[in-house]
Amino acid sequence: MRPEVRPDARSDRERLSRWHRTDWMALLSGVLFVTVGILYLSVPDLPADVMLPVVLGGLACAGFVAVLSRAIRR
């Protein structure tokens, strides 16, 4: 039988292992699409040929941040 461990007696590593890592690609992509949706609602005559490069550039930046964060984590 395993002895009871008090919550304050846990090591820092055990306490930190409960947290998950941030998925930067998903987070930044979500922020980008919410922003694009707000722009379309607030400026309905905004042309699509302006928004396409903005969306693609935003996704590229989100991917770059995700790659950098993964490289730093390792």
N, C-alpha and C. Protein backbone atom coordinates (compact mmCIF):
# COMPACT_ATOMS: atom_id res chain seq x y z
N MET A 1 0.84 -1.17 0.00
CA MET A 1 0.00 0.00 0.00
C MET A 1 0.89 1.25 0.00
N ARG A 2 0.50 2.23 -0.79
CA ARG A 2 1.29 3.44 -0.93
C ARG A 2 0.94 4.44 0.16
N PRO A 3 1.95 5.03 0.81
CA PRO A 3 1.64 6.00 1.87
C PRO A 3 1.05 7.27 1.27
N GLU A 4 0.22 7.92 2.03
CA GLU A 4 -0.40 9.18 1.61
C GLU A 4 0.66 10.28 1.53
N VAL A 5 0.57 11.08 0.49
CA VAL A 5 1.49 12.20 0.32
C VAL A 5 0.69 13.48 0.47
N ARG A 6 1.18 14.33 1.34
CA ARG A 6 0.49 15.61 1.52
C ARG A 6 0.66 16.45 0.26
N PRO A 7 -0.36 17.26 -0.11
CA PRO A 7 -0.25 18.07 -1.33
C PRO A 7 0.93 19.04 -1.30
N ASP A 8 1.30 19.55 -0.13
CA ASP A 8 2.41 20.49 -0.07
C ASP A 8 3.77 19.80 -0.12
N ALA A 9 3.77 18.47 -0.05
CA ALA A 9 5.03 17.74 -0.09
C ALA A 9 5.40 17.32 -1.51
N ARG A 10 4.58 17.64 -2.49
CA ARG A 10 4.90 17.27 -3.88
C ARG A 10 6.08 18.09 -4.38
N SER A 11 6.82 17.46 -5.28
CA SER A 11 7.95 18.17 -5.85
C SER A 11 7.45 19.17 -6.89
N ASP A 12 8.29 20.10 -7.24
CA ASP A 12 7.92 21.10 -8.24
C ASP A 12 7.64 20.44 -9.59
N ARG A 13 8.37 19.41 -9.90
CA ARG A 13 8.18 18.74 -11.19
C ARG A 13 6.81 18.08 -11.27
N GLU A 14 6.36 17.47 -10.20
CA GLU A 14 5.03 16.86 -10.19
C GLU A 14 3.95 17.92 -10.33
N ARG A 15 4.12 19.04 -9.69
CA ARG A 15 3.13 20.11 -9.74
C ARG A 15 3.08 20.72 -11.14
N LEU A 16 4.23 20.88 -11.79
CA LEU A 16 4.27 21.46 -13.12
C LEU A 16 3.78 20.50 -14.19
N SER A 17 3.83 19.20 -13.93
CA SER A 17 3.42 18.24 -14.94
C SER A 17 1.91 18.24 -15.14
N ARG A 18 1.16 18.84 -14.25
CA ARG A 18 -0.29 18.91 -14.42
C ARG A 18 -0.68 19.93 -15.48
N TRP A 19 0.15 20.88 -15.75
CA TRP A 19 -0.15 21.92 -16.74
C TRP A 19 0.21 21.42 -18.12
N HIS A 20 -0.62 21.76 -19.09
CA HIS A 20 -0.30 21.38 -20.46
C HIS A 20 0.42 22.54 -21.15
N ARG A 21 1.12 22.21 -22.21
CA ARG A 21 1.85 23.23 -22.95
C ARG A 21 0.88 23.99 -23.85
N THR A 22 1.18 25.26 -24.06
CA THR A 22 0.33 26.08 -24.90
C THR A 22 0.53 25.72 -26.37
N ASP A 23 -0.55 25.52 -27.08
CA ASP A 23 -0.51 25.27 -28.51
C ASP A 23 -0.61 26.62 -29.20
N TRP A 24 0.54 27.20 -29.52
CA TRP A 24 0.58 28.56 -30.05
C TRP A 24 -0.07 28.66 -31.41
N MET A 25 0.04 27.65 -32.24
CA MET A 25 -0.57 27.68 -33.56
C MET A 25 -2.08 27.78 -33.43
N ALA A 26 -2.67 26.98 -32.59
CA ALA A 26 -4.12 27.01 -32.41
C ALA A 26 -4.58 28.32 -31.78
N LEU A 27 -3.85 28.79 -30.79
CA LEU A 27 -4.23 30.02 -30.11
C LEU A 27 -4.17 31.22 -31.05
N LEU A 28 -3.07 31.37 -31.78
CA LEU A 28 -2.93 32.52 -32.67
C LEU A 28 -3.85 32.42 -33.89
N SER A 29 -4.10 31.21 -34.37
CA SER A 29 -5.03 31.06 -35.48
C SER A 29 -6.45 31.42 -35.05
N GLY A 30 -6.82 31.04 -33.86
CA GLY A 30 -8.13 31.41 -33.33
C GLY A 30 -8.29 32.91 -33.18
N VAL A 31 -7.26 33.56 -32.65
CA VAL A 31 -7.29 35.02 -32.52
C VAL A 31 -7.39 35.68 -33.89
N LEU A 32 -6.66 35.14 -34.86
CA LEU A 32 -6.70 35.69 -36.22
C LEU A 32 -8.10 35.58 -36.81
N PHE A 33 -8.71 34.44 -36.71
CA PHE A 33 -10.03 34.25 -37.32
C PHE A 33 -11.11 35.04 -36.59
N VAL A 34 -11.00 35.20 -35.28
CA VAL A 34 -11.95 36.06 -34.56
C VAL A 34 -11.78 37.51 -35.02
N THR A 35 -10.54 37.94 -35.20
CA THR A 35 -10.29 39.30 -35.68
C THR A 35 -10.83 39.50 -37.09
N VAL A 36 -10.63 38.53 -37.97
CA VAL A 36 -11.16 38.63 -39.34
C VAL A 36 -12.69 38.68 -39.30
N GLY A 37 -13.30 37.88 -38.46
CA GLY A 37 -14.76 37.91 -38.34
C GLY A 37 -15.26 39.25 -37.84
N ILE A 38 -14.59 39.84 -36.88
CA ILE A 38 -14.97 41.17 -36.38
C ILE A 38 -14.80 42.21 -37.47
N LEU A 39 -13.73 42.11 -38.25
CA LEU A 39 -13.52 43.05 -39.35
C LEU A 39 -14.64 42.93 -40.40
N TYR A 40 -15.03 41.72 -40.74
CA TYR A 40 -16.10 41.55 -41.72
C TYR A 40 -17.43 42.08 -41.20
N LEU A 41 -17.67 41.97 -39.90
CA LEU A 41 -18.91 42.50 -39.34
C LEU A 41 -18.89 44.02 -39.25
N SER A 42 -17.75 44.57 -38.91
CA SER A 42 -17.68 46.03 -38.71
C SER A 42 -17.44 46.79 -40.01
N VAL A 43 -16.76 46.19 -40.99
CA VAL A 43 -16.49 46.83 -42.28
C VAL A 43 -16.97 45.88 -43.37
N PRO A 44 -18.28 45.88 -43.67
CA PRO A 44 -18.80 44.88 -44.61
C PRO A 44 -18.33 45.05 -46.04
N ASP A 45 -17.91 46.25 -46.44
CA ASP A 45 -17.47 46.44 -47.82
C ASP A 45 -15.97 46.21 -47.99
N LEU A 46 -15.34 45.55 -47.03
CA LEU A 46 -13.91 45.23 -47.11
C LEU A 46 -13.70 44.16 -48.18
N PRO A 47 -12.86 44.43 -49.19
CA PRO A 47 -12.71 43.46 -50.29
C PRO A 47 -11.95 42.20 -49.84
N ALA A 48 -12.33 41.10 -50.45
CA ALA A 48 -11.71 39.81 -50.10
C ALA A 48 -10.26 39.75 -50.55
N ASP A 49 -9.91 40.47 -51.62
CA ASP A 49 -8.53 40.43 -52.09
C ASP A 49 -7.57 41.16 -51.14
N VAL A 50 -8.11 41.93 -50.22
CA VAL A 50 -7.28 42.55 -49.17
C VAL A 50 -7.14 41.60 -47.99
N MET A 51 -8.22 40.88 -47.68
CA MET A 51 -8.21 40.02 -46.49
C MET A 51 -7.45 38.72 -46.71
N LEU A 52 -7.41 38.22 -47.93
CA LEU A 52 -6.71 36.97 -48.18
C LEU A 52 -5.23 37.04 -47.81
N PRO A 53 -4.49 38.07 -48.24
CA PRO A 53 -3.09 38.16 -47.81
C PRO A 53 -2.94 38.36 -46.30
N VAL A 54 -3.90 39.06 -45.70
CA VAL A 54 -3.84 39.25 -44.25
C VAL A 54 -4.00 37.92 -43.53
N VAL A 55 -4.95 37.10 -43.96
CA VAL A 55 -5.17 35.79 -43.33
C VAL A 55 -3.98 34.87 -43.56
N LEU A 56 -3.50 34.83 -44.80
CA LEU A 56 -2.35 33.95 -45.08
C LEU A 56 -1.09 34.42 -44.35
N GLY A 57 -0.88 35.72 -44.29
CA GLY A 57 0.26 36.25 -43.54
C GLY A 57 0.13 35.98 -42.04
N GLY A 58 -1.08 36.10 -41.52
CA GLY A 58 -1.30 35.80 -40.11
C GLY A 58 -1.07 34.34 -39.78
N LEU A 59 -1.52 33.45 -40.67
CA LEU A 59 -1.28 32.03 -40.45
C LEU A 59 0.20 31.70 -40.55
N ALA A 60 0.90 32.36 -41.46
CA ALA A 60 2.34 32.15 -41.57
C ALA A 60 3.06 32.60 -40.30
N CYS A 61 2.66 33.74 -39.76
CA CYS A 61 3.26 34.22 -38.51
C CYS A 61 2.95 33.29 -37.35
N ALA A 62 1.71 32.79 -37.29
CA ALA A 62 1.34 31.85 -36.23
C ALA A 62 2.17 30.57 -36.33
N GLY A 63 2.37 30.08 -37.53
CA GLY A 63 3.20 28.89 -37.73
C GLY A 63 4.65 29.13 -37.33
N PHE A 64 5.16 30.31 -37.67
CA PHE A 64 6.53 30.66 -37.30
C PHE A 64 6.69 30.71 -35.78
N VAL A 65 5.72 31.32 -35.09
CA VAL A 65 5.78 31.37 -33.62
C VAL A 65 5.69 29.96 -33.04
N ALA A 66 4.85 29.10 -33.62
CA ALA A 66 4.72 27.72 -33.13
C ALA A 66 6.03 26.95 -33.30
N VAL A 67 6.69 27.14 -34.43
CA VAL A 67 7.96 26.45 -34.67
C VAL A 67 9.03 26.97 -33.70
N LEU A 68 9.07 28.27 -33.51
CA LEU A 68 10.05 28.84 -32.57
C LEU A 68 9.82 28.36 -31.14
N SER A 69 8.57 28.34 -30.71
CA SER A 69 8.30 27.91 -29.34
C SER A 69 8.65 26.44 -29.14
N ARG A 70 8.41 25.62 -30.16
CA ARG A 70 8.78 24.20 -30.04
C ARG A 70 10.29 24.04 -30.00
N ALA A 71 11.01 24.84 -30.78
CA ALA A 71 12.48 24.76 -30.78
C ALA A 71 13.05 25.22 -29.45
N ILE A 72 12.44 26.23 -28.87
CA ILE A 72 12.93 26.73 -27.58
C ILE A 72 12.63 25.73 -26.47
N ARG A 73 11.48 25.06 -26.54
CA ARG A 73 11.08 24.08 -25.52
C ARG A 73 12.03 22.91 -25.45
N ARG A 74 12.60 22.51 -26.56
CA ARG A 74 13.46 21.31 -26.59
C ARG A 74 14.83 21.62 -26.17
